[in-house]
N, C-alpha and C. Protein backbone atom coordinates (compact mmCIF):
# COMPACT_ATOMS: atom_id res chain seq x y z
N MET A 1 0.83 -1.18 -0.02
CA MET A 1 0.01 -0.02 0.01
C MET A 1 0.87 1.25 0.01
N GLU A 2 0.69 2.06 -1.01
CA GLU A 2 1.50 3.29 -1.08
C GLU A 2 0.77 4.44 -0.38
N LYS A 3 1.53 5.19 0.39
CA LYS A 3 0.97 6.39 1.03
C LYS A 3 1.45 7.63 0.27
N SER A 4 0.60 8.67 0.28
CA SER A 4 1.03 9.90 -0.35
C SER A 4 1.11 11.00 0.69
N CYS A 5 1.96 11.98 0.43
CA CYS A 5 2.18 13.12 1.33
C CYS A 5 0.96 14.01 1.31
N PRO A 6 0.39 14.32 2.50
CA PRO A 6 -0.77 15.19 2.57
C PRO A 6 -0.54 16.63 2.14
N GLU A 7 0.78 17.00 2.05
CA GLU A 7 1.10 18.38 1.63
C GLU A 7 1.27 18.53 0.14
N CYS A 8 2.04 17.60 -0.46
CA CYS A 8 2.31 17.76 -1.90
C CYS A 8 1.80 16.60 -2.77
N GLY A 9 1.40 15.53 -2.12
CA GLY A 9 0.84 14.40 -2.85
C GLY A 9 1.87 13.39 -3.37
N ASN A 10 3.18 13.67 -3.17
CA ASN A 10 4.20 12.72 -3.61
C ASN A 10 4.17 11.42 -2.82
N LYS A 11 4.78 10.40 -3.39
CA LYS A 11 4.83 9.07 -2.76
C LYS A 11 5.78 9.17 -1.49
N ILE A 12 5.38 8.53 -0.41
CA ILE A 12 6.16 8.56 0.81
C ILE A 12 7.01 7.29 0.81
N ILE A 13 8.32 7.52 0.93
CA ILE A 13 9.29 6.40 0.98
C ILE A 13 9.98 6.43 2.35
N GLY A 14 10.02 5.24 2.97
CA GLY A 14 10.65 5.17 4.32
C GLY A 14 9.82 4.39 5.31
N ARG A 15 9.93 4.79 6.55
CA ARG A 15 9.28 4.11 7.64
C ARG A 15 7.77 4.00 7.38
N ALA A 16 7.18 2.95 8.00
CA ALA A 16 5.75 2.69 7.79
C ALA A 16 4.92 3.79 8.40
N ASP A 17 5.37 4.42 9.50
CA ASP A 17 4.57 5.48 10.16
C ASP A 17 4.88 6.92 9.67
N LYS A 18 5.71 7.00 8.66
CA LYS A 18 6.09 8.34 8.14
C LYS A 18 4.83 8.99 7.51
N LYS A 19 4.63 10.28 7.77
CA LYS A 19 3.44 10.95 7.32
C LYS A 19 3.69 11.93 6.15
N PHE A 20 4.93 12.42 5.98
CA PHE A 20 5.29 13.41 4.98
C PHE A 20 6.46 12.91 4.17
N CYS A 21 6.60 13.38 3.00
CA CYS A 21 7.75 12.92 2.12
C CYS A 21 9.04 13.62 2.48
N SER A 22 8.97 14.81 3.13
CA SER A 22 10.17 15.53 3.42
C SER A 22 9.94 16.45 4.65
N ASP A 23 11.06 16.92 5.20
CA ASP A 23 10.94 17.85 6.33
C ASP A 23 10.26 19.16 5.89
N SER A 24 10.56 19.61 4.67
CA SER A 24 9.95 20.86 4.21
C SER A 24 8.41 20.70 4.09
N CYS A 25 7.95 19.54 3.65
CA CYS A 25 6.47 19.34 3.55
C CYS A 25 5.87 19.27 4.94
N ARG A 26 6.55 18.57 5.89
CA ARG A 26 6.09 18.51 7.23
C ARG A 26 5.99 19.93 7.87
N ASN A 27 7.06 20.70 7.69
CA ASN A 27 7.06 22.08 8.24
C ASN A 27 5.99 22.91 7.61
N SER A 28 5.87 22.86 6.33
CA SER A 28 4.88 23.67 5.60
C SER A 28 3.46 23.36 6.09
N HIS A 29 3.20 21.99 6.21
CA HIS A 29 1.86 21.59 6.67
C HIS A 29 1.59 22.05 8.09
N ASN A 30 2.57 21.90 9.02
CA ASN A 30 2.37 22.31 10.39
C ASN A 30 2.26 23.80 10.53
N ASN A 31 3.02 24.53 9.74
CA ASN A 31 2.96 26.04 9.78
C ASN A 31 1.58 26.50 9.39
N GLN A 32 0.99 25.90 8.27
CA GLN A 32 -0.34 26.29 7.87
C GLN A 32 -1.41 25.90 8.88
N PHE A 33 -1.25 24.71 9.45
CA PHE A 33 -2.20 24.20 10.45
C PHE A 33 -2.23 25.07 11.72
N ASN A 34 -1.05 25.55 12.13
CA ASN A 34 -0.94 26.32 13.37
C ASN A 34 -0.86 27.83 13.21
N LYS A 35 -1.08 28.29 12.01
CA LYS A 35 -0.87 29.72 11.72
C LYS A 35 -1.61 30.71 12.64
N ASP A 36 -2.93 30.46 12.86
CA ASP A 36 -3.66 31.39 13.68
C ASP A 36 -3.17 31.43 15.15
N SER A 37 -3.02 30.23 15.75
CA SER A 37 -2.59 30.24 17.12
C SER A 37 -1.19 30.69 17.28
N LYS A 38 -0.32 30.46 16.23
CA LYS A 38 1.04 30.93 16.34
C LYS A 38 1.14 32.41 16.29
N ASN A 39 0.25 33.07 15.47
CA ASN A 39 0.26 34.55 15.37
C ASN A 39 -0.10 35.17 16.77
N LEU A 40 -1.10 34.61 17.41
CA LEU A 40 -1.52 35.08 18.72
C LEU A 40 -0.37 34.96 19.72
N VAL A 41 0.24 33.76 19.76
CA VAL A 41 1.32 33.56 20.72
C VAL A 41 2.49 34.41 20.42
N ARG A 42 2.85 34.57 19.10
CA ARG A 42 3.96 35.37 18.69
C ARG A 42 3.76 36.83 19.13
N ASN A 43 2.52 37.36 18.92
CA ASN A 43 2.23 38.73 19.27
C ASN A 43 2.32 38.98 20.75
N ILE A 44 1.83 37.99 21.56
CA ILE A 44 1.91 38.14 22.99
C ILE A 44 3.36 38.06 23.46
N ASN A 45 4.11 37.13 22.91
CA ASN A 45 5.55 36.99 23.29
C ASN A 45 6.33 38.23 22.93
N ASN A 46 6.01 38.79 21.78
CA ASN A 46 6.71 40.05 21.37
C ASN A 46 6.40 41.19 22.35
N ARG A 47 5.16 41.31 22.77
CA ARG A 47 4.73 42.31 23.69
C ARG A 47 5.46 42.09 25.07
N LEU A 48 5.51 40.88 25.56
CA LEU A 48 6.18 40.58 26.81
C LEU A 48 7.65 40.85 26.71
N ARG A 49 8.26 40.51 25.57
CA ARG A 49 9.68 40.74 25.38
C ARG A 49 9.98 42.23 25.39
N LYS A 50 9.12 43.01 24.78
CA LYS A 50 9.32 44.47 24.73
C LYS A 50 9.20 45.03 26.12
N ASN A 51 8.15 44.65 26.89
CA ASN A 51 7.98 45.08 28.25
C ASN A 51 9.20 44.71 29.10
N TYR A 52 9.68 43.49 28.90
CA TYR A 52 10.81 43.07 29.74
C TYR A 52 12.06 43.93 29.41
N ARG A 53 12.33 44.18 28.17
CA ARG A 53 13.46 45.06 27.79
C ARG A 53 13.34 46.46 28.37
N ILE A 54 12.15 46.97 28.39
CA ILE A 54 11.93 48.32 28.94
C ILE A 54 12.21 48.30 30.43
N LEU A 55 11.64 47.37 31.15
CA LEU A 55 11.92 47.28 32.59
C LEU A 55 13.37 47.05 32.86
N GLU A 56 14.07 46.26 32.07
CA GLU A 56 15.45 45.95 32.31
C GLU A 56 16.30 47.24 32.05
N THR A 57 15.92 48.02 31.05
CA THR A 57 16.57 49.24 30.76
C THR A 57 16.47 50.30 31.89
N PHE A 58 15.23 50.42 32.41
CA PHE A 58 14.95 51.43 33.42
C PHE A 58 15.44 50.96 34.80
N ASN A 59 15.71 49.63 34.93
CA ASN A 59 16.11 49.08 36.26
C ASN A 59 17.40 48.35 36.20
N PRO A 60 18.54 49.03 35.91
CA PRO A 60 19.83 48.32 35.82
C PRO A 60 20.37 47.85 37.17
N ASP A 61 19.99 48.56 38.25
CA ASP A 61 20.55 48.24 39.61
C ASP A 61 19.59 47.40 40.45
N GLU A 62 18.61 46.75 39.83
CA GLU A 62 17.69 45.83 40.43
C GLU A 62 16.65 46.47 41.38
N LYS A 63 16.73 47.78 41.57
CA LYS A 63 15.68 48.43 42.39
C LYS A 63 15.75 49.92 42.11
N THR A 64 14.68 50.46 41.61
CA THR A 64 14.67 51.94 41.33
C THR A 64 13.19 52.40 41.25
N LYS A 65 13.08 53.68 40.93
CA LYS A 65 11.71 54.29 40.80
C LYS A 65 11.71 55.09 39.49
N THR A 66 10.56 55.01 38.76
CA THR A 66 10.44 55.79 37.53
C THR A 66 9.01 56.21 37.38
N SER A 67 8.77 57.13 36.46
CA SER A 67 7.39 57.61 36.27
C SER A 67 6.64 56.82 35.21
N LYS A 68 5.37 56.88 35.37
CA LYS A 68 4.47 56.15 34.39
C LYS A 68 4.71 56.76 33.01
N THR A 69 4.90 58.06 32.91
CA THR A 69 5.09 58.69 31.64
C THR A 69 6.28 58.15 30.90
N LYS A 70 7.45 57.93 31.62
CA LYS A 70 8.61 57.41 30.97
C LYS A 70 8.38 56.00 30.46
N LEU A 71 7.68 55.23 31.23
CA LEU A 71 7.38 53.82 30.83
C LEU A 71 6.52 53.79 29.59
N VAL A 72 5.42 54.62 29.59
CA VAL A 72 4.53 54.66 28.43
C VAL A 72 5.20 55.25 27.21
N THR A 73 6.00 56.21 27.36
CA THR A 73 6.76 56.87 26.25
C THR A 73 7.66 55.80 25.64
N ALA A 74 8.26 54.93 26.42
CA ALA A 74 9.16 53.87 25.92
C ALA A 74 8.37 52.74 25.24
N GLY A 75 7.04 52.76 25.37
CA GLY A 75 6.24 51.74 24.71
C GLY A 75 5.76 50.68 25.61
N PHE A 76 5.86 50.84 26.96
CA PHE A 76 5.44 49.81 27.89
C PHE A 76 3.94 49.65 27.86
N ASP A 77 3.49 48.38 27.89
CA ASP A 77 2.05 48.09 27.85
C ASP A 77 1.68 47.36 29.18
N PHE A 78 0.95 48.08 30.06
CA PHE A 78 0.62 47.52 31.39
C PHE A 78 -0.38 46.35 31.32
N ASN A 79 -0.91 46.06 30.18
CA ASN A 79 -1.83 44.92 30.07
C ASN A 79 -1.10 43.56 29.94
N TYR A 80 0.20 43.61 29.70
CA TYR A 80 1.00 42.33 29.50
C TYR A 80 1.97 42.16 30.62
N PHE A 81 1.80 41.13 31.40
CA PHE A 81 2.73 40.72 32.45
C PHE A 81 2.59 39.18 32.65
N THR A 82 3.60 38.58 33.27
CA THR A 82 3.57 37.16 33.40
C THR A 82 3.02 36.63 34.73
N SER A 83 3.11 37.43 35.81
CA SER A 83 2.60 37.02 37.10
C SER A 83 2.37 38.18 38.00
N ILE A 84 1.59 37.90 39.04
CA ILE A 84 1.27 38.85 40.08
C ILE A 84 1.76 38.31 41.39
N TYR A 85 2.42 39.14 42.22
CA TYR A 85 2.82 38.74 43.56
C TYR A 85 2.19 39.66 44.56
N THR A 86 1.48 39.09 45.56
CA THR A 86 0.87 39.88 46.56
C THR A 86 1.56 39.60 47.88
N THR A 87 2.10 40.65 48.54
CA THR A 87 2.82 40.47 49.81
C THR A 87 1.85 40.19 50.93
N LYS A 88 2.35 39.83 52.08
CA LYS A 88 1.49 39.62 53.25
C LYS A 88 0.72 40.90 53.64
N ALA A 89 1.35 42.02 53.40
CA ALA A 89 0.70 43.31 53.65
C ALA A 89 -0.31 43.74 52.60
N GLY A 90 -0.45 42.93 51.55
CA GLY A 90 -1.44 43.23 50.52
C GLY A 90 -0.96 44.05 49.35
N THR A 91 0.37 44.33 49.29
CA THR A 91 0.94 45.07 48.20
C THR A 91 1.03 44.18 46.96
N VAL A 92 0.66 44.72 45.85
CA VAL A 92 0.54 43.87 44.63
C VAL A 92 1.66 44.32 43.65
N TYR A 93 2.57 43.36 43.36
CA TYR A 93 3.65 43.60 42.40
C TYR A 93 3.25 42.80 41.10
N TYR A 94 3.50 43.47 39.98
CA TYR A 94 3.29 42.84 38.66
C TYR A 94 4.66 42.47 38.12
N PHE A 95 4.82 41.28 37.53
CA PHE A 95 6.09 40.81 37.04
C PHE A 95 5.98 40.48 35.57
N VAL A 96 7.09 40.77 34.86
CA VAL A 96 7.34 40.29 33.53
C VAL A 96 8.57 39.46 33.70
N TYR A 97 8.37 38.13 33.86
CA TYR A 97 9.38 37.18 34.24
C TYR A 97 10.01 37.59 35.55
N ASP A 98 11.29 38.04 35.59
CA ASP A 98 11.91 38.41 36.89
C ASP A 98 11.92 39.86 37.13
N GLN A 99 11.44 40.67 36.17
CA GLN A 99 11.40 42.15 36.36
C GLN A 99 10.01 42.50 36.84
N GLY A 100 9.94 43.27 37.95
CA GLY A 100 8.64 43.63 38.50
C GLY A 100 8.43 45.08 38.63
N TYR A 101 7.15 45.47 38.77
CA TYR A 101 6.85 46.89 39.03
C TYR A 101 5.64 46.96 39.98
N LEU A 102 5.69 48.06 40.76
CA LEU A 102 4.66 48.30 41.81
C LEU A 102 4.19 49.70 41.63
N PRO A 103 2.87 49.94 41.40
CA PRO A 103 2.36 51.25 41.29
C PRO A 103 2.44 52.03 42.65
N ILE A 104 3.02 53.19 42.65
CA ILE A 104 3.04 53.99 43.88
C ILE A 104 2.59 55.38 43.53
N ASP A 105 2.34 56.19 44.56
CA ASP A 105 1.89 57.56 44.42
C ASP A 105 0.72 57.66 43.49
N GLY A 106 -0.31 56.84 43.70
CA GLY A 106 -1.54 56.82 42.95
C GLY A 106 -1.34 56.37 41.47
N GLY A 107 -0.28 55.66 41.20
CA GLY A 107 -0.04 55.17 39.83
C GLY A 107 0.71 56.08 38.95
N GLU A 108 1.14 57.19 39.44
CA GLU A 108 1.93 58.13 38.64
C GLU A 108 3.41 57.69 38.57
N TYR A 109 3.86 56.95 39.57
CA TYR A 109 5.18 56.47 39.65
C TYR A 109 5.16 54.96 39.88
N TYR A 110 6.24 54.31 39.53
CA TYR A 110 6.37 52.85 39.70
C TYR A 110 7.73 52.55 40.36
N ALA A 111 7.66 51.64 41.40
CA ALA A 111 8.87 51.10 41.92
C ALA A 111 9.23 49.86 41.07
N LEU A 112 10.44 49.83 40.55
CA LEU A 112 10.90 48.74 39.73
C LEU A 112 11.78 47.84 40.57
N VAL A 113 11.57 46.52 40.48
CA VAL A 113 12.39 45.58 41.25
C VAL A 113 12.78 44.40 40.38
N LYS A 114 13.76 43.70 40.78
CA LYS A 114 14.15 42.48 40.14
C LYS A 114 14.10 41.35 41.13
N ARG A 115 13.36 40.31 40.77
CA ARG A 115 13.19 39.17 41.63
C ARG A 115 14.44 38.34 41.65
N LYS A 116 14.92 37.96 42.84
CA LYS A 116 16.07 37.12 42.94
C LYS A 116 15.73 35.73 42.46
N THR A 117 16.47 35.17 41.54
CA THR A 117 16.26 33.87 41.03
C THR A 117 17.01 32.86 41.82
N GLU A 118 16.38 31.71 42.08
CA GLU A 118 17.04 30.65 42.84
C GLU A 118 17.90 29.84 41.89
N LYS A 119 19.04 29.44 42.35
CA LYS A 119 19.98 28.64 41.49
C LYS A 119 20.02 27.22 41.97
């Protein structure tokens, strides 16, 4: 029984469980199949990456304070973060990976911190 490649229709030669004739057909098929979800994930990851770079730039010494205006001007988007940390006192920190920010002074300023990573 001959099997044909679902991407290009060519005859498949090789293992019995092989689904595509080549790596390029396999990649092409999977890229088409996952296009919509990949775009969403790519856009979110790009946004998170940009936010991380901005926080890293404004916080070279692992703890500082900056204004909301400076963050927004740099392109920071407060809708994208990876986690929230609430202290025992009820203070809420927002994190983009290990870079965090805390709204202070009514949200006009932000305390920037870097979470210590365990090794």
